[in-house]
């Protein structure tokens, strides 16, 4: 929200962002100086891994009413941005993964793996982590907003016009890899969405007003050589605390992808897609062959009634970042 107030966005961007871009409970107190310093120089940057900026075209529309509400029509261009809290969030995770190990023992919790270090949510350690995590979440909202502003500015520069004339409205910014206090079945619970994203059904009060009748867009990116989808949630998604997967999921680890996918296989899977690396080896860990079939994943969600497909988007060009 503050980024928009500074002129790096449009007023309507705020209402089209989960939590209006500000998760309650954030407090810099538990955030280490190292985490703060890492984040302070990375705001407005993409980063590496599976983060990307992708130019797409709407190939097919499945649900006309929702697609019309979202502004998605066959042949229309879209830009999808996937990035997060950068070094700030990474360092917060590193810091608390260490400090929560003794906290778990203190509270009588045994964890099978160091990566599962935890503490009761209402303990001081749990409250500190939630406050720091909320800072990372809000940093991620601000980061994507700044990149959105840069994308709009780039299009305006290329076409020599005001970006507002190009119809570059934000469709939705939804978080993933997040924990949030929510009310489900009359109880307040802490919902952990790891590799998952929120999927509220039509009529749910958590939807933005403009999407109340359809449910907010649920964004399911594919790999950089395959389609991505826009879905909406259903009431059946209540079984997963109104959550859906965020992406197709990997079939190969990063190291296995680099070892097993050949240049020929990579280039074949990226046919027709422009990408920004001269060395294909820089992208092998994110090759399409490292991921599950996105069409099958979306079909499964639809078959079990948790989501409804709205539109299928095909990649035209992709920018991958580096850490």
Foldseek 3Di string as FASTA:
>chain_A
DVLVVVPLADPVQQLQEQVSLAAPLADCVLQDPVLVVQQVPCQQHQAFDQWWKFKWFFCDFDDVVVCVLLVHDHGDIAIDGDGFLGSNLVVLLVVLLVVQQVQCVVVVHDDPDSSPRDHPCPDPSNSSSQNSQSVRRSSGSRSVSNNLSVVLVVVCVVVVHRSVVVVRDDSHHWDAQHWHFDAAPNDTDIQGGHQKTAADAAQDPSHRPSCNRGAGWDWACEFQLFKTFTKHFHPVCSVNVRMDGRYQAFPAALVRQLVPADPVNQCVSNPQEAEDDPDCSSCSSRGNNGGDDRVVRVVVCVVVPGIGTGTMIGTRYMYGDHD
